[in-house]
Amino acid sequence: MNSEPEIPVDDLKIFADKTRVTILKMLNERKHTVSELSRALNLSKPTILYHMKILENAGYVKRIEDGRKWIYYEVTDSGRSVLKWRKLRIILPVISIAASAILTFTAVLLRTMKRKSIPEYPAMGAQYDWLLLISVTALIISLIAFVYTKRGRR
């Protein structure tokens, strides 16, 4: 079973706008009125309402009318799952870089120790050459993934 949230292709354009992503993040912290969001984001109320309507129609935000003067908005479970997936996309490359760096350091250390301890058998270090090659490759791929992820968030 895929743990990635199901996002319809039409909804992908929703997250291409930084304002909507920021609104979702703010609503994930607590409920807000349009006025609060307008002040916090330094945008007009009609602009906030436009974005809220898009998010509400997609099912990522819901409107709360409790019979009082103000109308609050809050993020839905669907909106939360999308935000969690965005966080995971950032965390995974960082973990991958750290693991690859540790593996690379270990491979270099093992290879160096093996060569120094048994100088008459230089071929013994060759088994660590593959580990070193794989770990450096994993580190490079992890760094590329991290840079790609960071660019995608801008």
N, C-alpha and C. Protein backbone atom coordinates (compact mmCIF):
# COMPACT_ATOMS: atom_id res chain seq x y z
N MET A 1 0.85 -1.18 0.00
CA MET A 1 0.00 0.00 0.00
C MET A 1 0.88 1.23 0.00
N ASN A 2 0.59 2.19 -0.83
CA ASN A 2 1.38 3.40 -0.97
C ASN A 2 1.04 4.38 0.15
N SER A 3 2.06 4.87 0.90
CA SER A 3 1.81 5.79 2.00
C SER A 3 1.74 7.24 1.51
N GLU A 4 2.04 7.46 0.26
CA GLU A 4 1.98 8.79 -0.31
C GLU A 4 0.51 9.20 -0.47
N PRO A 5 0.16 10.45 -0.06
CA PRO A 5 -1.24 10.85 -0.19
C PRO A 5 -1.66 10.93 -1.65
N GLU A 6 -2.91 10.61 -1.90
CA GLU A 6 -3.45 10.69 -3.26
C GLU A 6 -3.79 12.14 -3.56
N ILE A 7 -3.09 12.74 -4.48
CA ILE A 7 -3.35 14.11 -4.88
C ILE A 7 -3.73 14.10 -6.35
N PRO A 8 -4.96 14.50 -6.66
CA PRO A 8 -5.35 14.55 -8.07
C PRO A 8 -4.45 15.50 -8.85
N VAL A 9 -4.21 15.18 -10.10
CA VAL A 9 -3.32 15.99 -10.94
C VAL A 9 -3.81 17.44 -11.00
N ASP A 10 -5.12 17.65 -11.06
CA ASP A 10 -5.65 19.01 -11.12
C ASP A 10 -5.32 19.80 -9.85
N ASP A 11 -5.17 19.10 -8.72
CA ASP A 11 -4.88 19.77 -7.45
C ASP A 11 -3.41 20.15 -7.30
N LEU A 12 -2.55 19.64 -8.14
CA LEU A 12 -1.13 19.97 -8.03
C LEU A 12 -0.87 21.45 -8.23
N LYS A 13 -1.69 22.09 -9.06
CA LYS A 13 -1.52 23.53 -9.28
C LYS A 13 -1.85 24.32 -8.01
N ILE A 14 -2.63 23.74 -7.13
CA ILE A 14 -2.94 24.40 -5.87
C ILE A 14 -1.67 24.64 -5.07
N PHE A 15 -0.78 23.68 -5.07
CA PHE A 15 0.43 23.77 -4.26
C PHE A 15 1.57 24.47 -4.99
N ALA A 16 1.33 24.89 -6.21
CA ALA A 16 2.33 25.66 -6.93
C ALA A 16 2.36 27.10 -6.45
N ASP A 17 1.32 27.52 -5.75
CA ASP A 17 1.23 28.88 -5.24
C ASP A 17 1.70 28.92 -3.79
N LYS A 18 2.71 29.74 -3.51
CA LYS A 18 3.27 29.82 -2.15
C LYS A 18 2.25 30.33 -1.14
N THR A 19 1.37 31.21 -1.56
CA THR A 19 0.38 31.76 -0.64
C THR A 19 -0.52 30.65 -0.10
N ARG A 20 -0.96 29.75 -0.97
CA ARG A 20 -1.84 28.67 -0.53
C ARG A 20 -1.10 27.70 0.40
N VAL A 21 0.15 27.43 0.10
CA VAL A 21 0.94 26.55 0.97
C VAL A 21 1.13 27.22 2.33
N THR A 22 1.41 28.51 2.34
CA THR A 22 1.58 29.24 3.61
C THR A 22 0.28 29.25 4.40
N ILE A 23 -0.84 29.45 3.72
CA ILE A 23 -2.14 29.42 4.40
C ILE A 23 -2.37 28.05 5.02
N LEU A 24 -2.09 27.00 4.28
CA LEU A 24 -2.26 25.64 4.82
C LEU A 24 -1.40 25.43 6.06
N LYS A 25 -0.14 25.89 6.00
CA LYS A 25 0.75 25.75 7.15
C LYS A 25 0.23 26.51 8.36
N MET A 26 -0.27 27.71 8.14
CA MET A 26 -0.81 28.50 9.24
C MET A 26 -2.06 27.84 9.84
N LEU A 27 -2.92 27.32 8.97
CA LEU A 27 -4.13 26.66 9.45
C LEU A 27 -3.81 25.34 10.13
N ASN A 28 -2.69 24.76 9.82
CA ASN A 28 -2.28 23.53 10.47
C ASN A 28 -1.91 23.79 11.94
N GLU A 29 -1.48 25.01 12.23
CA GLU A 29 -1.13 25.37 13.61
C GLU A 29 -2.38 25.65 14.44
N ARG A 30 -3.34 26.39 13.85
CA ARG A 30 -4.60 26.69 14.55
C ARG A 30 -5.61 27.26 13.56
N LYS A 31 -6.86 27.41 14.00
CA LYS A 31 -7.90 28.00 13.17
C LYS A 31 -7.62 29.49 13.00
N HIS A 32 -7.99 30.02 11.84
CA HIS A 32 -7.82 31.45 11.56
C HIS A 32 -9.04 32.00 10.84
N THR A 33 -9.25 33.31 11.03
CA THR A 33 -10.25 34.01 10.22
C THR A 33 -9.54 34.59 9.00
N VAL A 34 -10.33 35.05 8.04
CA VAL A 34 -9.77 35.67 6.85
C VAL A 34 -9.00 36.94 7.24
N SER A 35 -9.53 37.68 8.20
CA SER A 35 -8.85 38.90 8.65
C SER A 35 -7.49 38.60 9.25
N GLU A 36 -7.41 37.55 10.07
CA GLU A 36 -6.13 37.17 10.67
C GLU A 36 -5.11 36.77 9.60
N LEU A 37 -5.56 35.98 8.65
CA LEU A 37 -4.67 35.57 7.57
C LEU A 37 -4.24 36.76 6.72
N SER A 38 -5.16 37.67 6.48
CA SER A 38 -4.88 38.86 5.70
C SER A 38 -3.79 39.71 6.36
N ARG A 39 -3.91 39.92 7.66
CA ARG A 39 -2.90 40.69 8.38
C ARG A 39 -1.56 39.96 8.42
N ALA A 40 -1.58 38.67 8.69
CA ALA A 40 -0.34 37.90 8.82
C ALA A 40 0.42 37.82 7.50
N LEU A 41 -0.31 37.70 6.40
CA LEU A 41 0.33 37.54 5.09
C LEU A 41 0.46 38.86 4.31
N ASN A 42 -0.08 39.93 4.91
CA ASN A 42 -0.03 41.25 4.29
C ASN A 42 -0.67 41.22 2.89
N LEU A 43 -1.83 40.56 2.82
CA LEU A 43 -2.61 40.48 1.58
C LEU A 43 -4.02 40.97 1.84
N SER A 44 -4.71 41.39 0.79
CA SER A 44 -6.08 41.87 0.96
C SER A 44 -7.02 40.71 1.29
N LYS A 45 -8.14 41.04 1.91
CA LYS A 45 -9.12 40.00 2.26
C LYS A 45 -9.69 39.31 1.01
N PRO A 46 -9.98 40.04 -0.06
CA PRO A 46 -10.45 39.34 -1.27
C PRO A 46 -9.42 38.34 -1.82
N THR A 47 -8.15 38.69 -1.72
CA THR A 47 -7.11 37.76 -2.18
C THR A 47 -7.10 36.50 -1.32
N ILE A 48 -7.19 36.69 -0.01
CA ILE A 48 -7.23 35.53 0.92
C ILE A 48 -8.47 34.69 0.64
N LEU A 49 -9.61 35.34 0.45
CA LEU A 49 -10.85 34.61 0.16
C LEU A 49 -10.74 33.81 -1.14
N TYR A 50 -10.10 34.37 -2.13
CA TYR A 50 -9.88 33.66 -3.40
C TYR A 50 -9.10 32.37 -3.16
N HIS A 51 -8.00 32.47 -2.41
CA HIS A 51 -7.18 31.29 -2.12
C HIS A 51 -7.93 30.29 -1.23
N MET A 52 -8.69 30.81 -0.27
CA MET A 52 -9.45 29.92 0.62
C MET A 52 -10.50 29.13 -0.15
N LYS A 53 -11.12 29.77 -1.12
CA LYS A 53 -12.14 29.09 -1.94
C LYS A 53 -11.51 27.94 -2.73
N ILE A 54 -10.34 28.17 -3.27
CA ILE A 54 -9.64 27.12 -4.01
C ILE A 54 -9.29 25.95 -3.09
N LEU A 55 -8.75 26.28 -1.91
CA LEU A 55 -8.38 25.23 -0.95
C LEU A 55 -9.62 24.49 -0.42
N GLU A 56 -10.68 25.24 -0.21
CA GLU A 56 -11.92 24.63 0.29
C GLU A 56 -12.55 23.70 -0.76
N ASN A 57 -12.57 24.13 -2.00
CA ASN A 57 -13.12 23.31 -3.08
C ASN A 57 -12.32 22.03 -3.29
N ALA A 58 -11.02 22.09 -3.03
CA ALA A 58 -10.17 20.91 -3.17
C ALA A 58 -10.28 19.98 -1.96
N GLY A 59 -10.89 20.47 -0.88
CA GLY A 59 -11.06 19.63 0.31
C GLY A 59 -9.90 19.69 1.30
N TYR A 60 -9.02 20.68 1.15
CA TYR A 60 -7.87 20.78 2.06
C TYR A 60 -8.14 21.71 3.23
N VAL A 61 -9.21 22.50 3.12
CA VAL A 61 -9.59 23.45 4.17
C VAL A 61 -11.10 23.38 4.33
N LYS A 62 -11.55 23.56 5.57
CA LYS A 62 -13.00 23.64 5.76
C LYS A 62 -13.36 24.90 6.54
N ARG A 63 -14.55 25.36 6.25
CA ARG A 63 -15.08 26.60 6.83
C ARG A 63 -15.88 26.23 8.08
N ILE A 64 -15.67 27.00 9.14
CA ILE A 64 -16.38 26.73 10.40
C ILE A 64 -17.24 27.94 10.75
N GLU A 65 -18.54 27.74 10.66
CA GLU A 65 -19.50 28.79 11.04
C GLU A 65 -20.23 28.29 12.27
N ASP A 66 -19.92 28.89 13.40
CA ASP A 66 -20.55 28.44 14.64
C ASP A 66 -21.65 29.39 15.13
N GLY A 67 -22.21 30.19 14.21
CA GLY A 67 -23.30 31.08 14.56
C GLY A 67 -22.82 32.40 15.14
N ARG A 68 -21.55 32.59 15.24
CA ARG A 68 -21.02 33.84 15.77
C ARG A 68 -20.70 34.80 14.62
N LYS A 69 -20.10 35.90 14.98
CA LYS A 69 -19.78 36.93 14.00
C LYS A 69 -18.69 36.50 13.03
N TRP A 70 -17.71 35.73 13.51
CA TRP A 70 -16.56 35.39 12.69
C TRP A 70 -16.69 34.01 12.07
N ILE A 71 -16.09 33.88 10.92
CA ILE A 71 -16.02 32.59 10.24
C ILE A 71 -14.56 32.15 10.27
N TYR A 72 -14.35 30.98 10.83
CA TYR A 72 -12.99 30.44 10.93
C TYR A 72 -12.77 29.38 9.85
N TYR A 73 -11.52 29.18 9.53
CA TYR A 73 -11.12 28.13 8.61
C TYR A 73 -10.11 27.24 9.31
N GLU A 74 -10.18 25.95 9.01
CA GLU A 74 -9.20 25.02 9.55
C GLU A 74 -8.81 24.01 8.48
N VAL A 75 -7.63 23.43 8.64
CA VAL A 75 -7.13 22.46 7.68
C VAL A 75 -7.83 21.12 7.92
N THR A 76 -8.12 20.40 6.86
CA THR A 76 -8.76 19.09 6.98
C THR A 76 -7.68 18.01 7.11
N ASP A 77 -8.11 16.78 7.34
CA ASP A 77 -7.16 15.67 7.42
C ASP A 77 -6.40 15.50 6.11
N SER A 78 -7.09 15.72 5.02
CA SER A 78 -6.46 15.63 3.70
C SER A 78 -5.36 16.68 3.57
N GLY A 79 -5.63 17.89 4.03
CA GLY A 79 -4.62 18.96 4.00
C GLY A 79 -3.44 18.64 4.88
N ARG A 80 -3.71 18.05 6.05
CA ARG A 80 -2.61 17.66 6.96
C ARG A 80 -1.72 16.59 6.33
N SER A 81 -2.33 15.63 5.66
CA SER A 81 -1.52 14.56 5.07
C SER A 81 -0.62 15.11 3.97
N VAL A 82 -1.10 16.10 3.21
CA VAL A 82 -0.27 16.70 2.18
C VAL A 82 0.90 17.46 2.82
N LEU A 83 0.62 18.17 3.91
CA LEU A 83 1.70 18.91 4.60
C LEU A 83 2.73 17.95 5.18
N LYS A 84 2.28 16.82 5.72
CA LYS A 84 3.22 15.83 6.27
C LYS A 84 4.10 15.27 5.17
N TRP A 85 3.52 15.01 4.00
CA TRP A 85 4.30 14.48 2.89
C TRP A 85 5.35 15.49 2.44
N ARG A 86 5.00 16.78 2.44
CA ARG A 86 5.97 17.82 2.06
C ARG A 86 7.14 17.84 3.04
N LYS A 87 6.85 17.67 4.34
CA LYS A 87 7.92 17.63 5.35
C LYS A 87 8.80 16.41 5.14
N LEU A 88 8.18 15.28 4.85
CA LEU A 88 8.93 14.04 4.65
C LEU A 88 9.86 14.16 3.45
N ARG A 89 9.43 14.84 2.42
CA ARG A 89 10.27 15.04 1.23
C ARG A 89 11.53 15.83 1.55
N ILE A 90 11.49 16.62 2.61
CA ILE A 90 12.64 17.41 3.02
C ILE A 90 13.53 16.59 3.95
N ILE A 91 12.93 15.82 4.84
CA ILE A 91 13.68 15.08 5.86
C ILE A 91 14.42 13.89 5.26
N LEU A 92 13.82 13.17 4.33
CA LEU A 92 14.45 11.97 3.78
C LEU A 92 15.81 12.23 3.12
N PRO A 93 15.97 13.26 2.29
CA PRO A 93 17.30 13.51 1.73
C PRO A 93 18.35 13.85 2.80
N VAL A 94 17.94 14.55 3.85
CA VAL A 94 18.88 14.90 4.92
C VAL A 94 19.35 13.63 5.63
N ILE A 95 18.44 12.73 5.92
CA ILE A 95 18.80 11.46 6.56
C ILE A 95 19.68 10.65 5.63
N SER A 96 19.36 10.65 4.35
CA SER A 96 20.15 9.92 3.37
C SER A 96 21.58 10.46 3.28
N ILE A 97 21.73 11.78 3.31
CA ILE A 97 23.06 12.39 3.27
C ILE A 97 23.86 11.98 4.50
N ALA A 98 23.23 12.05 5.67
CA ALA A 98 23.93 11.69 6.90
C ALA A 98 24.37 10.23 6.88
N ALA A 99 23.47 9.34 6.48
CA ALA A 99 23.81 7.91 6.43
C ALA A 99 24.91 7.64 5.42
N SER A 100 24.86 8.28 4.28
CA SER A 100 25.88 8.10 3.25
C SER A 100 27.24 8.62 3.73
N ALA A 101 27.23 9.75 4.42
CA ALA A 101 28.48 10.31 4.94
C ALA A 101 29.10 9.38 5.98
N ILE A 102 28.28 8.81 6.85
CA ILE A 102 28.79 7.87 7.86
C ILE A 102 29.35 6.62 7.18
N LEU A 103 28.64 6.12 6.19
CA LEU A 103 29.10 4.94 5.46
C LEU A 103 30.42 5.22 4.74
N THR A 104 30.52 6.40 4.13
CA THR A 104 31.76 6.77 3.44
C THR A 104 32.92 6.86 4.42
N PHE A 105 32.70 7.52 5.54
CA PHE A 105 33.74 7.65 6.56
C PHE A 105 34.17 6.27 7.06
N THR A 106 33.21 5.39 7.31
CA THR A 106 33.51 4.04 7.77
C THR A 106 34.31 3.26 6.73
N ALA A 107 33.94 3.37 5.48
CA ALA A 107 34.65 2.67 4.41
C ALA A 107 36.09 3.15 4.29
N VAL A 108 36.29 4.46 4.37
CA VAL A 108 37.65 5.01 4.30
C VAL A 108 38.46 4.55 5.50
N LEU A 109 37.85 4.60 6.68
CA LEU A 109 38.54 4.17 7.90
C LEU A 109 38.92 2.70 7.85
N LEU A 110 37.97 1.84 7.45
CA LEU A 110 38.25 0.40 7.36
C LEU A 110 39.34 0.11 6.33
N ARG A 111 39.25 0.77 5.21
CA ARG A 111 40.24 0.54 4.15
C ARG A 111 41.63 0.97 4.62
N THR A 112 41.72 2.11 5.28
CA THR A 112 43.00 2.61 5.78
C THR A 112 43.56 1.69 6.86
N MET A 113 42.70 1.26 7.79
CA MET A 113 43.16 0.38 8.87
C MET A 113 43.61 -0.96 8.32
N LYS A 114 42.90 -1.51 7.35
CA LYS A 114 43.25 -2.81 6.78
C LYS A 114 44.59 -2.75 6.06
N ARG A 115 44.82 -1.68 5.32
CA ARG A 115 46.08 -1.55 4.58
C ARG A 115 47.26 -1.39 5.54
N LYS A 116 47.06 -0.68 6.63
CA LYS A 116 48.15 -0.46 7.57
C LYS A 116 48.45 -1.70 8.39
N SER A 117 47.42 -2.47 8.71
CA SER A 117 47.63 -3.62 9.58
C SER A 117 48.22 -4.83 8.85
N ILE A 118 47.98 -4.99 7.56
CA ILE A 118 48.49 -6.14 6.81
C ILE A 118 49.15 -5.63 5.53
N PRO A 119 50.33 -5.03 5.62
CA PRO A 119 50.95 -4.48 4.43
C PRO A 119 51.37 -5.52 3.41
N GLU A 120 51.61 -6.78 3.85
CA GLU A 120 52.05 -7.80 2.90
C GLU A 120 50.90 -8.32 2.04
N TYR A 121 49.68 -7.98 2.38
CA TYR A 121 48.51 -8.40 1.60
C TYR A 121 47.75 -7.16 1.11
N PRO A 122 48.28 -6.45 0.14
CA PRO A 122 47.61 -5.22 -0.31
C PRO A 122 46.24 -5.47 -0.94
N ALA A 123 46.01 -6.67 -1.44
CA ALA A 123 44.72 -6.97 -2.06
C ALA A 123 43.60 -7.04 -1.03
N MET A 124 43.92 -7.16 0.24
CA MET A 124 42.89 -7.25 1.28
C MET A 124 42.06 -5.97 1.33
N GLY A 125 42.67 -4.83 0.99
CA GLY A 125 41.93 -3.57 1.02
C GLY A 125 40.97 -3.43 -0.15
N ALA A 126 41.10 -4.27 -1.14
CA ALA A 126 40.26 -4.17 -2.34
C ALA A 126 38.79 -4.40 -2.03
N GLN A 127 38.50 -5.23 -1.04
CA GLN A 127 37.09 -5.47 -0.72
C GLN A 127 36.42 -4.20 -0.20
N TYR A 128 37.21 -3.29 0.36
CA TYR A 128 36.65 -2.04 0.85
C TYR A 128 36.55 -1.00 -0.25
N ASP A 129 37.22 -1.24 -1.38
CA ASP A 129 37.11 -0.32 -2.50
C ASP A 129 35.67 -0.24 -3.00
N TRP A 130 34.98 -1.39 -3.06
CA TRP A 130 33.59 -1.41 -3.50
C TRP A 130 32.70 -0.69 -2.52
N LEU A 131 32.95 -0.90 -1.23
CA LEU A 131 32.16 -0.21 -0.20
C LEU A 131 32.37 1.30 -0.31
N LEU A 132 33.60 1.70 -0.53
CA LEU A 132 33.92 3.11 -0.68
C LEU A 132 33.24 3.68 -1.92
N LEU A 133 33.31 2.98 -3.03
CA LEU A 133 32.68 3.43 -4.27
C LEU A 133 31.17 3.57 -4.11
N ILE A 134 30.55 2.59 -3.52
CA ILE A 134 29.10 2.62 -3.32
C ILE A 134 28.70 3.75 -2.38
N SER A 135 29.45 3.91 -1.29
CA SER A 135 29.08 4.94 -0.32
C SER A 135 29.28 6.35 -0.88
N VAL A 136 30.33 6.57 -1.64
CA VAL A 136 30.54 7.89 -2.26
C VAL A 136 29.45 8.16 -3.30
N THR A 137 29.08 7.15 -4.06
CA THR A 137 28.00 7.30 -5.04
C THR A 137 26.68 7.63 -4.33
N ALA A 138 26.40 6.93 -3.24
CA ALA A 138 25.17 7.20 -2.47
C ALA A 138 25.19 8.62 -1.91
N LEU A 139 26.33 9.07 -1.45
CA LEU A 139 26.46 10.42 -0.93
C LEU A 139 26.18 11.45 -2.02
N ILE A 140 26.74 11.26 -3.19
CA ILE A 140 26.52 12.19 -4.30
C ILE A 140 25.05 12.22 -4.71
N ILE A 141 24.44 11.05 -4.82
CA ILE A 141 23.02 10.97 -5.19
C ILE A 141 22.16 11.66 -4.13
N SER A 142 22.49 11.45 -2.86
CA SER A 142 21.74 12.09 -1.77
C SER A 142 21.86 13.60 -1.83
N LEU A 143 23.05 14.09 -2.10
CA LEU A 143 23.24 15.54 -2.22
C LEU A 143 22.44 16.12 -3.39
N ILE A 144 22.44 15.42 -4.50
CA ILE A 144 21.65 15.86 -5.66
C ILE A 144 20.16 15.88 -5.32
N ALA A 145 19.69 14.85 -4.64
CA ALA A 145 18.27 14.79 -4.24
C ALA A 145 17.93 15.94 -3.30
N PHE A 146 18.84 16.24 -2.38
CA PHE A 146 18.60 17.32 -1.43
C PHE A 146 18.52 18.67 -2.16
N VAL A 147 19.45 18.92 -3.06
CA VAL A 147 19.45 20.17 -3.81
C VAL A 147 18.18 20.28 -4.66
N TYR A 148 17.79 19.17 -5.28
CA TYR A 148 16.57 19.15 -6.10
C TYR A 148 15.35 19.44 -5.24
N THR A 149 15.29 18.88 -4.04
CA THR A 149 14.16 19.11 -3.13
C THR A 149 14.12 20.55 -2.69
N LYS A 150 15.27 21.13 -2.38
CA LYS A 150 15.32 22.52 -1.94
C LYS A 150 14.87 23.46 -3.07
N ARG A 151 15.25 23.16 -4.30
CA ARG A 151 14.84 23.98 -5.44
C ARG A 151 13.35 23.90 -5.65
N GLY A 152 12.78 22.72 -5.44
CA GLY A 152 11.34 22.52 -5.63
C GLY A 152 10.51 23.29 -4.62
N ARG A 153 11.08 23.62 -3.46
CA ARG A 153 10.33 24.35 -2.44
C ARG A 153 10.32 25.85 -2.69
N ARG A 154 11.18 26.36 -3.54
CA ARG A 154 11.23 27.81 -3.77
C ARG A 154 10.11 28.30 -4.60
